[in-house]
Structure formats: structure tokens, C-alpha cells
Amino acid sequence: MGKIFFRLILFITLSAPATLAQNLYFCEGVDDDGYAIKSSSVFDIPDDGGYLYFLVRMGSGNEIECDEVLYDIYKVSSSGKETFDNTIYQDVETDWNWFWKKITFYDSGAYKVYVYDEDWKLLTSGNVRINYR
């Protein structure tokens, strides 16, 4: 039983395509090398709105290979139900392996952000909470 299980796991591992993970960071800024400044999943904004940055890093040696990305933003209720809020588009260069977008929020609450390439292939997603100061 042990040898069969080991061989099955080995077969699945070797036959699966290699994928490089993309990451979405919510932060107060992005440095010149594409790293998040003060990354967090919770931000405090004024009652009249405030901004933060969405930073996507494509993974080691991976490039975006498209001309546009989309950020689908959903507000998440206390029960976990996602309600569509907004889609934001961003032009990118095919050889970029990281990119960022400054996003303004006007409402407090929990949000889920999905990042897609121009063919609607999901690149990454993340959760952020916005609080009023």
C-alpha cells in the first residue's frame, strides 16, 4: 500500500505543470524595485475616502504576457457573501513581472479583490479590510 501511494503521489507531482505563484499585496506604497511599503490587510481611511496600493508580483522569472489587467472588487458581508463593487482596468507591458495600481476607497468594510489578465484568467486574489479613522 505504501509503495503504491508513494508512486501515485510521485506521478501526480511529476506530471503536473509547474506553476509560479502570483501575489497580491495591499500597501501604503511601492518602492523602485517593486516591493510593498507597509503591506497590510487592514487600512484606516478618512470618512471622505482614502487610497492604498494594489501590488501584484508575478513570481520568480514570470512575466504578465498581456496588455491589460482587471481588478474585480467585491464587498464582503459579515456572512461572507460577496457583492460586486467595481472593476478597475490597468494597462500593463507584456514583460512586466510586477505592477501596481493606486486605488481609492470611500466605504469601510471587508473587500475581496480578484486580479485577472485580459483573457479573464485569474492571476491572484486577496482580502483587505477598510476602516474609518
C-alpha atoms as a PDB file:
ATOM      1  CA  MET A   1       0.000   0.000   0.000  1.00  0.00           C
ATOM      2  CA  GLY A   2       2.819   2.419   0.927  1.00  0.00           C
ATOM      3  CA  LYS A   3       4.730   1.928  -2.344  1.00  0.00           C
ATOM      4  CA  ILE A   4       1.594   2.361  -4.445  1.00  0.00           C
ATOM      5  CA  PHE A   5       0.650   5.553  -2.597  1.00  0.00           C
ATOM      6  CA  PHE A   6       4.207   6.919  -2.962  1.00  0.00           C
ATOM      7  CA  ARG A   7       4.259   6.151  -6.702  1.00  0.00           C
ATOM      8  CA  LEU A   8       0.849   7.782  -7.176  1.00  0.00           C
ATOM      9  CA  ILE A   9       1.992  10.952  -5.405  1.00  0.00           C
ATOM     10  CA  LEU A  10       5.245  10.965  -7.389  1.00  0.00           C
ATOM     11  CA  PHE A  11       3.361  10.503 -10.691  1.00  0.00           C
ATOM     12  CA  ILE A  12       0.925  13.338  -9.894  1.00  0.00           C
ATOM     13  CA  THR A  13       3.757  15.642  -8.826  1.00  0.00           C
ATOM     14  CA  LEU A  14       5.891  14.995 -11.903  1.00  0.00           C
ATOM     15  CA  SER A  15       3.025  15.164 -14.386  1.00  0.00           C
ATOM     16  CA  ALA A  16       1.511  18.386 -13.012  1.00  0.00           C
ATOM     17  CA  PRO A  17       2.545  21.529 -14.886  1.00  0.00           C
ATOM     18  CA  ALA A  18       4.882  23.817 -12.996  1.00  0.00           C
ATOM     19  CA  THR A  19       3.168  26.999 -11.884  1.00  0.00           C
ATOM     20  CA  LEU A  20       4.635  30.127 -10.373  1.00  0.00           C
ATOM     21  CA  ALA A  21       2.565  31.827  -7.738  1.00  0.00           C
ATOM     22  CA  GLN A  22       1.429  35.395  -8.173  1.00  0.00           C
ATOM     23  CA  ASN A  23       0.895  37.504  -5.068  1.00  0.00           C
ATOM     24  CA  LEU A  24      -1.342  40.471  -4.363  1.00  0.00           C
ATOM     25  CA  TYR A  25      -0.185  42.912  -1.702  1.00  0.00           C
ATOM     26  CA  PHE A  26      -2.159  45.788  -0.209  1.00  0.00           C
ATOM     27  CA  CYS A  27       0.228  48.511   0.879  1.00  0.00           C
ATOM     28  CA  GLU A  28       0.898  52.200   1.504  1.00  0.00           C
ATOM     29  CA  GLY A  29       3.387  52.428  -1.355  1.00  0.00           C
ATOM     30  CA  VAL A  30       5.688  50.532  -3.712  1.00  0.00           C
ATOM     31  CA  ASP A  31       9.455  51.001  -3.839  1.00  0.00           C
ATOM     32  CA  ASP A  32      11.503  51.299  -7.053  1.00  0.00           C
ATOM     33  CA  ASP A  33      12.255  47.557  -7.012  1.00  0.00           C
ATOM     34  CA  GLY A  34       8.577  46.555  -6.855  1.00  0.00           C
ATOM     35  CA  TYR A  35       8.310  45.711  -3.171  1.00  0.00           C
ATOM     36  CA  ALA A  36       5.475  46.729  -0.881  1.00  0.00           C
ATOM     37  CA  ILE A  37       5.937  49.556   1.610  1.00  0.00           C
ATOM     38  CA  LYS A  38       3.945  48.905   4.799  1.00  0.00           C
ATOM     39  CA  SER A  39       1.979  45.931   3.491  1.00  0.00           C
ATOM     40  CA  SER A  40      -1.170  45.069   5.459  1.00  0.00           C
ATOM     41  CA  SER A  41      -4.622  43.561   5.166  1.00  0.00           C
ATOM     42  CA  VAL A  42      -6.238  46.379   7.225  1.00  0.00           C
ATOM     43  CA  PHE A  43      -6.192  50.103   6.405  1.00  0.00           C
ATOM     44  CA  ASP A  44      -7.703  53.146   8.108  1.00  0.00           C
ATOM     45  CA  ILE A  45      -9.060  55.881   5.838  1.00  0.00           C
ATOM     46  CA  PRO A  46     -10.790  59.233   6.462  1.00  0.00           C
ATOM     47  CA  ASP A  47     -14.593  59.400   6.217  1.00  0.00           C
ATOM     48  CA  ASP A  48     -14.309  61.134   2.832  1.00  0.00           C
ATOM     49  CA  GLY A  49     -12.140  58.357   1.362  1.00  0.00           C
ATOM     50  CA  GLY A  50      -8.552  57.257   1.159  1.00  0.00           C
ATOM     51  CA  TYR A  51      -6.242  55.303  -1.066  1.00  0.00           C
ATOM     52  CA  LEU A  52      -3.920  52.339  -0.910  1.00  0.00           C
ATOM     53  CA  TYR A  53      -1.885  50.450  -3.462  1.00  0.00           C
ATOM     54  CA  PHE A  54      -2.541  47.058  -5.026  1.00  0.00           C
ATOM     55  CA  LEU A  55       0.801  45.458  -5.878  1.00  0.00           C
ATOM     56  CA  VAL A  56       0.932  42.286  -7.970  1.00  0.00           C
ATOM     57  CA  ARG A  57       4.179  40.324  -8.145  1.00  0.00           C
ATOM     58  CA  MET A  58       4.140  37.614 -10.818  1.00  0.00           C
ATOM     59  CA  GLY A  59       6.621  35.215  -9.241  1.00  0.00           C
ATOM     60  CA  SER A  60      10.247  34.476  -9.977  1.00  0.00           C
ATOM     61  CA  GLY A  61      11.005  34.757 -13.689  1.00  0.00           C
ATOM     62  CA  ASN A  62       7.338  35.049 -14.640  1.00  0.00           C
ATOM     63  CA  GLU A  63       6.040  37.908 -16.813  1.00  0.00           C
ATOM     64  CA  ILE A  64       2.456  39.133 -17.235  1.00  0.00           C
ATOM     65  CA  GLU A  65       2.426  38.446 -21.018  1.00  0.00           C
ATOM     66  CA  CYS A  66      -0.630  40.610 -21.714  1.00  0.00           C
ATOM     67  CA  ASP A  67      -1.507  44.271 -22.266  1.00  0.00           C
ATOM     68  CA  GLU A  68      -4.219  44.791 -19.648  1.00  0.00           C
ATOM     69  CA  VAL A  69      -5.230  43.524 -16.216  1.00  0.00           C
ATOM     70  CA  LEU A  70      -8.530  43.854 -14.383  1.00  0.00           C
ATOM     71  CA  TYR A  71      -9.150  44.227 -10.678  1.00  0.00           C
ATOM     72  CA  ASP A  72     -12.621  42.983  -9.714  1.00  0.00           C
ATOM     73  CA  ILE A  73     -13.534  44.342  -6.295  1.00  0.00           C
ATOM     74  CA  TYR A  74     -16.279  42.777  -4.183  1.00  0.00           C
ATOM     75  CA  LYS A  75     -17.585  43.948  -0.824  1.00  0.00           C
ATOM     76  CA  VAL A  76     -17.867  41.038   1.614  1.00  0.00           C
ATOM     77  CA  SER A  77     -20.698  40.918   4.166  1.00  0.00           C
ATOM     78  CA  SER A  78     -20.314  39.577   7.698  1.00  0.00           C
ATOM     79  CA  SER A  79     -21.853  36.308   6.453  1.00  0.00           C
ATOM     80  CA  GLY A  80     -19.200  36.040   3.709  1.00  0.00           C
ATOM     81  CA  LYS A  81     -21.451  36.979   0.770  1.00  0.00           C
ATOM     82  CA  GLU A  82     -19.574  38.831  -1.971  1.00  0.00           C
ATOM     83  CA  THR A  83     -21.338  41.727  -3.695  1.00  0.00           C
ATOM     84  CA  PHE A  84     -19.770  43.245  -6.809  1.00  0.00           C
ATOM     85  CA  ASP A  85     -18.462  46.760  -6.197  1.00  0.00           C
ATOM     86  CA  ASN A  86     -16.259  47.804  -9.103  1.00  0.00           C
ATOM     87  CA  THR A  87     -13.893  46.763 -11.895  1.00  0.00           C
ATOM     88  CA  ILE A  88     -10.711  48.731 -12.448  1.00  0.00           C
ATOM     89  CA  TYR A  89      -8.645  48.304 -15.609  1.00  0.00           C
ATOM     90  CA  GLN A  90      -4.920  48.842 -15.921  1.00  0.00           C
ATOM     91  CA  ASP A  91      -2.650  48.871 -18.959  1.00  0.00           C
ATOM     92  CA  VAL A  92       0.498  46.803 -18.458  1.00  0.00           C
ATOM     93  CA  GLU A  93       3.531  45.810 -20.522  1.00  0.00           C
ATOM     94  CA  THR A  94       3.922  42.157 -21.535  1.00  0.00           C
ATOM     95  CA  ASP A  95       7.386  41.848 -19.975  1.00  0.00           C
ATOM     96  CA  TRP A  96       6.460  43.225 -16.538  1.00  0.00           C
ATOM     97  CA  ASN A  97       6.825  40.826 -13.628  1.00  0.00           C
ATOM     98  CA  TRP A  98       5.292  43.255 -11.127  1.00  0.00           C
ATOM     99  CA  PHE A  99       2.873  46.163 -11.362  1.00  0.00           C
ATOM    100  CA  TRP A 100       0.818  48.334  -9.039  1.00  0.00           C
ATOM    101  CA  LYS A 101      -2.307  50.475  -9.028  1.00  0.00           C
ATOM    102  CA  LYS A 102      -3.327  53.236  -6.611  1.00  0.00           C
ATOM    103  CA  ILE A 103      -6.954  52.576  -5.587  1.00  0.00           C
ATOM    104  CA  THR A 104      -9.270  54.907  -3.655  1.00  0.00           C
ATOM    105  CA  PHE A 105     -11.885  53.546  -1.262  1.00  0.00           C
ATOM    106  CA  TYR A 106     -14.815  55.589   0.028  1.00  0.00           C
ATOM    107  CA  ASP A 107     -16.615  52.967   2.147  1.00  0.00           C
ATOM    108  CA  SER A 108     -15.430  50.970   5.109  1.00  0.00           C
ATOM    109  CA  GLY A 109     -15.843  47.212   5.163  1.00  0.00           C
ATOM    110  CA  ALA A 110     -14.284  43.945   4.083  1.00  0.00           C
ATOM    111  CA  TYR A 111     -13.329  43.542   0.422  1.00  0.00           C
ATOM    112  CA  LYS A 112     -12.180  40.695  -1.811  1.00  0.00           C
ATOM    113  CA  VAL A 113     -10.075  41.612  -4.851  1.00  0.00           C
ATOM    114  CA  TYR A 114      -9.600  39.327  -7.849  1.00  0.00           C
ATOM    115  CA  VAL A 115      -6.916  40.152 -10.419  1.00  0.00           C
ATOM    116  CA  TYR A 116      -7.376  38.841 -13.972  1.00  0.00           C
ATOM    117  CA  ASP A 117      -5.401  39.114 -17.176  1.00  0.00           C
ATOM    118  CA  GLU A 118      -7.077  40.381 -20.347  1.00  0.00           C
ATOM    119  CA  ASP A 119      -8.359  36.868 -21.130  1.00  0.00           C
ATOM    120  CA  TRP A 120     -10.087  36.680 -17.726  1.00  0.00           C
ATOM    121  CA  LYS A 121      -7.534  34.197 -16.391  1.00  0.00           C
ATOM    122  CA  LEU A 122      -7.346  34.605 -12.618  1.00  0.00           C
ATOM    123  CA  LEU A 123      -3.859  35.704 -11.615  1.00  0.00           C
ATOM    124  CA  THR A 124      -4.315  36.180  -7.867  1.00  0.00           C
ATOM    125  CA  SER A 125      -6.733  37.404  -5.231  1.00  0.00           C
ATOM    126  CA  GLY A 126      -6.682  38.831  -1.729  1.00  0.00           C
ATOM    127  CA  ASN A 127      -8.740  40.228   1.111  1.00  0.00           C
ATOM    128  CA  VAL A 128      -8.499  43.683   2.655  1.00  0.00           C
ATOM    129  CA  ARG A 129     -10.449  45.475   5.400  1.00  0.00           C
ATOM    130  CA  ILE A 130     -11.054  49.209   5.218  1.00  0.00           C
ATOM    131  CA  ASN A 131     -11.883  51.066   8.450  1.00  0.00           C
ATOM    132  CA  TYR A 132     -12.805  54.689   9.017  1.00  0.00           C
ATOM    133  CA  ARG A 133     -10.393  56.589  11.264  1.00  0.00           C
END
